[in-house]
Amino acid sequence: MKPEILFDESHCEQCACGEGLDFSLTFAFQPIVDVSNKTVYAYEALVRGPEGEGAMHILGKVNEKNRYAFDQICRVKAVKLAAKLGMNTRLSINFLPNAVYKAEYCIRTTLAAAKTYNFDTSKIIFELTEGEDLTSVGHLVSILEAYKEMGFSTAIDDFGAGYSRYNIMIASPPDLLKLDMALVRDIHKEPNKQAVVVGIITMMALLGGKIVAEGVETEEEYFWLRSQGIALYQGYLFARPGFECLPEPYYPA
């Protein structure tokens, strides 16, 4: 097990000046829709290269030396671009737990950016990718709890992708749980997947959170998931990510 991350204020200075980040980045936005009222619940900020290069092109450049600056700059640029585009929905931002020394300090640049660009911080969702190689569950829980106390929403992405964090669900249940697209794919004809998803739906209902069905590509997948009461969706069926723009979603009949 890796040791706990210890707070070192010198890293805040590195984040603030972008030390170690020698590449440019921007964002595409993909809507998370609420089909119960046919509105956009949130837009997820998806990192891209300046010419539209995919996320892996950028993430492949992140390493031990620059991940702190990368995480902070992503937050600032996502807020800045969302404000520039006139986003009035929630904004979902992915974060790297290993790039957060102490949530109360590492949130400073995000708060400053929200103030500068007049973006309501209560509309920010911090989204954890479940497969992240975490330093410890305790460290992650401390981050999630701190974010909640500050008024942010939290989400766990790709739930069911193989690194299930049920211990996190027990210690600090997120506001949103995003089903991994591997669970969603062809769910309308796979009873075993259906059984797993029904169990997750029951769990989140008891914990008081919401489920987002992610990676929905066909109406058959959507109609089965909708029949189980899920209202929040993300995927190509509704809209592809829009490079530096807010795409209008499609809503199935």
Protein backbone atom coordinates (compact mmCIF):
# COMPACT_ATOMS: atom_id res chain seq x y z
CA MET A 1 0.00 0.00 0.00
CA LYS A 2 1.23 3.48 -0.84
CA PRO A 3 1.76 5.88 2.06
CA GLU A 4 -0.76 8.61 2.81
CA ILE A 5 -0.24 11.82 0.85
CA LEU A 6 1.11 14.50 3.18
CA PHE A 7 0.27 18.14 2.64
CA ASP A 8 3.13 20.25 1.37
CA GLU A 9 2.21 23.88 0.62
CA SER A 10 5.01 24.11 -1.95
CA HIS A 11 2.85 21.99 -4.26
CA CYS A 12 0.13 24.67 -4.15
CA GLU A 13 2.67 27.12 -5.52
CA GLN A 14 3.56 24.66 -8.29
CA CYS A 15 -0.12 24.26 -9.21
CA ALA A 16 -0.72 27.98 -9.25
CA CYS A 17 2.08 28.71 -11.71
CA GLY A 18 1.58 25.56 -13.82
CA GLU A 19 5.08 24.30 -13.11
CA GLY A 20 5.89 21.18 -15.10
CA LEU A 21 3.02 21.53 -17.57
CA ASP A 22 4.51 21.95 -21.03
CA PHE A 23 1.43 21.23 -23.14
CA SER A 24 -1.88 22.94 -23.89
CA LEU A 25 -5.33 21.58 -23.26
CA THR A 26 -8.98 22.50 -23.60
CA PHE A 27 -12.34 20.77 -23.23
CA ALA A 28 -15.27 19.19 -24.98
CA PHE A 29 -18.60 19.06 -23.16
CA GLN A 30 -21.10 16.19 -23.15
CA PRO A 31 -24.55 16.62 -21.63
CA ILE A 32 -26.01 14.51 -18.85
CA VAL A 33 -29.73 14.68 -19.52
CA ASP A 34 -32.73 14.36 -17.26
CA VAL A 35 -35.34 12.62 -19.38
CA SER A 36 -38.07 13.12 -16.78
CA ASN A 37 -38.31 16.77 -17.79
CA LYS A 38 -36.19 16.81 -20.96
CA THR A 39 -33.53 19.14 -19.63
CA VAL A 40 -29.75 19.09 -19.35
CA TYR A 41 -28.86 18.15 -15.78
CA ALA A 42 -25.13 18.83 -16.24
CA TYR A 43 -22.35 18.99 -18.78
CA GLU A 44 -19.25 16.89 -18.19
CA ALA A 45 -15.97 18.57 -19.09
CA LEU A 46 -13.85 16.13 -21.12
CA VAL A 47 -10.21 17.05 -21.61
CA ARG A 48 -9.02 17.52 -25.20
CA GLY A 49 -5.98 18.78 -27.03
CA PRO A 50 -6.04 22.30 -28.51
CA GLU A 51 -6.83 20.88 -31.95
CA GLY A 52 -9.42 18.44 -30.65
CA GLU A 53 -7.02 15.61 -29.87
CA GLY A 54 -8.61 12.90 -27.71
CA ALA A 55 -8.35 12.57 -23.96
CA MET A 56 -5.70 9.84 -24.09
CA HIS A 57 -3.44 12.12 -26.14
CA ILE A 58 -3.45 14.55 -23.22
CA LEU A 59 -3.59 12.09 -20.33
CA GLY A 60 -0.57 10.28 -21.76
CA LYS A 61 1.47 13.39 -20.97
CA VAL A 62 0.53 13.46 -17.30
CA ASN A 63 3.16 12.11 -14.94
CA GLU A 64 4.28 12.24 -11.32
CA LYS A 65 5.92 15.64 -11.76
CA ASN A 66 3.11 17.51 -13.49
CA ARG A 67 -0.11 15.86 -12.26
CA TYR A 68 -0.66 18.48 -9.54
CA ALA A 69 -0.47 21.35 -12.00
CA PHE A 70 -2.50 19.36 -14.54
CA ASP A 71 -5.34 18.72 -12.10
CA GLN A 72 -5.52 22.36 -11.03
CA ILE A 73 -5.26 23.80 -14.53
CA CYS A 74 -8.00 21.44 -15.73
CA ARG A 75 -10.34 22.72 -13.05
CA VAL A 76 -9.63 26.37 -13.82
CA LYS A 77 -9.92 25.97 -17.59
CA ALA A 78 -13.14 23.95 -17.30
CA VAL A 79 -14.76 26.65 -15.18
CA LYS A 80 -13.47 29.43 -17.43
CA LEU A 81 -14.74 27.81 -20.64
CA ALA A 82 -18.08 26.85 -19.08
CA ALA A 83 -18.61 30.45 -18.03
CA LYS A 84 -17.56 31.74 -21.46
CA LEU A 85 -20.12 29.44 -23.13
CA GLY A 86 -22.85 30.67 -20.80
CA MET A 87 -23.39 27.33 -19.11
CA ASN A 88 -26.21 27.61 -16.58
CA THR A 89 -26.47 23.93 -15.72
CA ARG A 90 -24.22 21.93 -13.42
CA LEU A 91 -20.61 21.38 -14.49
CA SER A 92 -19.02 17.98 -13.86
CA ILE A 93 -15.23 18.05 -13.50
CA ASN A 94 -13.07 14.94 -13.20
CA PHE A 95 -10.40 15.11 -10.53
CA LEU A 96 -7.26 13.14 -9.68
CA PRO A 97 -7.29 12.08 -6.00
CA ASN A 98 -3.52 11.59 -6.05
CA ALA A 99 -3.13 15.23 -7.06
CA VAL A 100 -4.98 16.49 -3.98
CA TYR A 101 -2.78 16.95 -0.93
CA LYS A 102 -5.41 18.55 1.24
CA ALA A 103 -8.83 19.38 -0.20
CA GLU A 104 -9.17 22.69 1.64
CA TYR A 105 -5.94 23.98 0.07
CA CYS A 106 -6.19 22.37 -3.35
CA ILE A 107 -9.66 23.82 -3.90
CA ARG A 108 -8.37 27.39 -3.70
CA THR A 109 -7.68 27.80 -7.42
CA THR A 110 -11.12 26.40 -8.31
CA LEU A 111 -12.84 28.84 -5.96
CA ALA A 112 -10.77 31.72 -7.31
CA ALA A 113 -11.64 30.78 -10.90
CA ALA A 114 -15.36 30.52 -10.06
CA LYS A 115 -15.25 33.97 -8.51
CA THR A 116 -13.27 35.46 -11.40
CA TYR A 117 -15.58 34.03 -14.07
CA ASN A 118 -18.79 34.38 -12.03
CA PHE A 119 -19.61 30.66 -12.02
CA ASP A 120 -21.85 29.37 -9.22
CA THR A 121 -19.79 26.89 -7.18
CA SER A 122 -22.96 25.10 -6.03
CA LYS A 123 -23.30 23.88 -9.63
CA ILE A 124 -19.91 22.13 -9.66
CA ILE A 125 -19.77 18.34 -9.46
CA PHE A 126 -16.42 16.70 -8.70
CA GLU A 127 -16.29 13.35 -10.43
CA LEU A 128 -14.00 10.50 -9.37
CA THR A 129 -13.03 7.93 -11.97
CA GLU A 130 -13.41 4.63 -10.15
CA GLY A 131 -10.33 3.02 -11.68
CA GLU A 132 -7.99 5.68 -10.24
CA ASP A 133 -5.07 4.10 -8.37
CA LEU A 134 -5.80 5.63 -5.01
CA THR A 135 -3.32 6.26 -2.23
CA SER A 136 -5.87 5.12 0.33
CA VAL A 137 -9.59 4.98 0.81
CA GLY A 138 -9.21 7.20 3.87
CA HIS A 139 -7.59 9.94 1.82
CA LEU A 140 -10.33 9.79 -0.83
CA VAL A 141 -13.11 9.85 1.74
CA SER A 142 -11.53 12.92 3.35
CA ILE A 143 -11.58 14.68 -0.04
CA LEU A 144 -15.20 13.75 -0.77
CA GLU A 145 -16.32 14.82 2.71
CA ALA A 146 -14.50 18.14 2.40
CA TYR A 147 -16.07 18.83 -1.00
CA LYS A 148 -19.53 18.07 0.35
CA GLU A 149 -19.00 20.41 3.30
CA MET A 150 -18.01 23.15 0.84
CA GLY A 151 -21.30 22.70 -1.03
CA PHE A 152 -20.02 20.79 -4.06
CA SER A 153 -21.70 17.66 -5.40
CA THR A 154 -19.69 14.45 -5.83
CA ALA A 155 -19.88 11.56 -8.27
CA ILE A 156 -18.20 8.21 -8.82
CA ASP A 157 -17.59 7.47 -12.51
CA ASP A 158 -17.43 4.07 -14.23
CA PHE A 159 -18.98 2.20 -11.30
CA GLY A 160 -18.74 -1.52 -11.99
CA ALA A 161 -15.64 -1.26 -14.19
CA GLY A 162 -13.69 -3.69 -12.02
CA TYR A 163 -12.47 -1.53 -9.14
CA SER A 164 -15.70 -1.40 -7.16
CA ARG A 165 -15.39 0.97 -4.22
CA TYR A 166 -18.13 -0.28 -1.97
CA ASN A 167 -16.04 0.80 1.02
CA ILE A 168 -16.30 4.37 -0.29
CA MET A 169 -20.04 3.97 -0.77
CA ILE A 170 -20.30 3.00 2.91
CA ALA A 171 -18.02 5.75 4.23
CA SER A 172 -19.08 8.65 2.00
CA PRO A 173 -21.84 7.91 -0.53
CA PRO A 174 -21.65 10.24 -3.55
CA ASP A 175 -24.54 12.32 -4.82
CA LEU A 176 -24.22 10.62 -8.22
CA LEU A 177 -23.11 7.16 -9.27
CA LYS A 178 -22.37 6.69 -12.98
CA LEU A 179 -22.86 3.17 -14.30
CA ASP A 180 -19.93 1.97 -16.37
CA MET A 181 -20.74 1.67 -20.04
CA ALA A 182 -19.72 -2.02 -19.98
CA LEU A 183 -22.73 -2.65 -17.75
CA VAL A 184 -24.98 -0.57 -19.97
CA ARG A 185 -23.97 -2.10 -23.28
CA ASP A 186 -26.73 -4.46 -24.54
CA ILE A 187 -28.31 -4.55 -21.08
CA HIS A 188 -31.74 -5.05 -22.64
CA LYS A 189 -30.76 -8.60 -23.62
CA GLU A 190 -28.38 -9.65 -20.82
CA PRO A 191 -30.21 -10.86 -17.66
CA ASN A 192 -27.04 -11.04 -15.55
CA LYS A 193 -26.24 -7.38 -16.20
CA GLN A 194 -29.85 -6.53 -15.47
CA ALA A 195 -29.63 -8.23 -12.07
CA VAL A 196 -26.47 -6.30 -11.17
CA VAL A 197 -27.93 -2.95 -12.23
CA VAL A 198 -31.18 -3.55 -10.33
CA GLY A 199 -29.06 -4.17 -7.23
CA ILE A 200 -27.14 -0.92 -7.76
CA ILE A 201 -30.39 0.99 -8.26
CA THR A 202 -31.70 -0.37 -4.95
CA MET A 203 -28.44 0.50 -3.18
CA MET A 204 -28.45 4.11 -4.41
CA ALA A 205 -32.12 4.56 -3.55
CA LEU A 206 -31.38 3.53 0.03
CA LEU A 207 -28.30 5.78 0.17
CA GLY A 208 -30.23 8.76 -1.15
CA GLY A 209 -28.20 9.28 -4.33
CA LYS A 210 -28.94 9.31 -8.04
CA ILE A 211 -27.76 7.06 -10.87
CA VAL A 212 -26.48 8.23 -14.23
CA ALA A 213 -26.56 5.61 -16.99
CA GLU A 214 -23.40 6.38 -18.96
CA GLY A 215 -22.45 5.31 -22.46
CA VAL A 216 -26.01 4.71 -23.67
CA GLU A 217 -25.91 4.26 -27.44
CA THR A 218 -29.17 2.61 -28.46
CA GLU A 219 -32.83 3.17 -27.75
CA GLU A 220 -33.14 -0.47 -26.66
CA GLU A 221 -30.60 0.13 -23.87
CA TYR A 222 -32.33 3.35 -22.92
CA PHE A 223 -35.85 1.88 -22.80
CA TRP A 224 -34.77 -0.96 -20.49
CA LEU A 225 -32.92 1.40 -18.15
CA ARG A 226 -35.81 3.85 -18.19
CA SER A 227 -38.19 1.03 -17.26
CA GLN A 228 -36.15 0.67 -14.05
CA GLY A 229 -36.76 4.29 -13.12
CA ILE A 230 -33.41 5.81 -14.12
CA ALA A 231 -33.85 9.43 -15.20
CA LEU A 232 -30.27 10.65 -15.83
CA TYR A 233 -28.38 9.61 -18.98
CA GLN A 234 -25.19 10.31 -20.87
CA GLY A 235 -24.08 8.83 -24.15
CA TYR A 236 -24.01 9.04 -27.92
CA LEU A 237 -27.76 8.35 -28.13
CA PHE A 238 -28.35 11.79 -26.59
CA ALA A 239 -25.33 13.78 -27.80
CA ARG A 240 -21.67 13.36 -28.66
CA PRO A 241 -19.15 15.59 -26.88
CA GLY A 242 -19.00 19.07 -28.39
CA PHE A 243 -15.53 20.57 -28.79
CA GLU A 244 -15.55 23.85 -26.88
CA CYS A 245 -19.33 24.04 -27.23
CA LEU A 246 -22.51 22.89 -25.48
CA PRO A 247 -24.32 20.42 -27.77
CA GLU A 248 -28.09 20.24 -27.71
CA PRO A 249 -29.27 16.74 -26.76
CA TYR A 250 -31.73 14.40 -28.44
CA TYR A 251 -34.49 12.96 -26.27
CA PRO A 252 -36.02 9.59 -27.22
CA ALA A 253 -39.80 9.53 -27.47
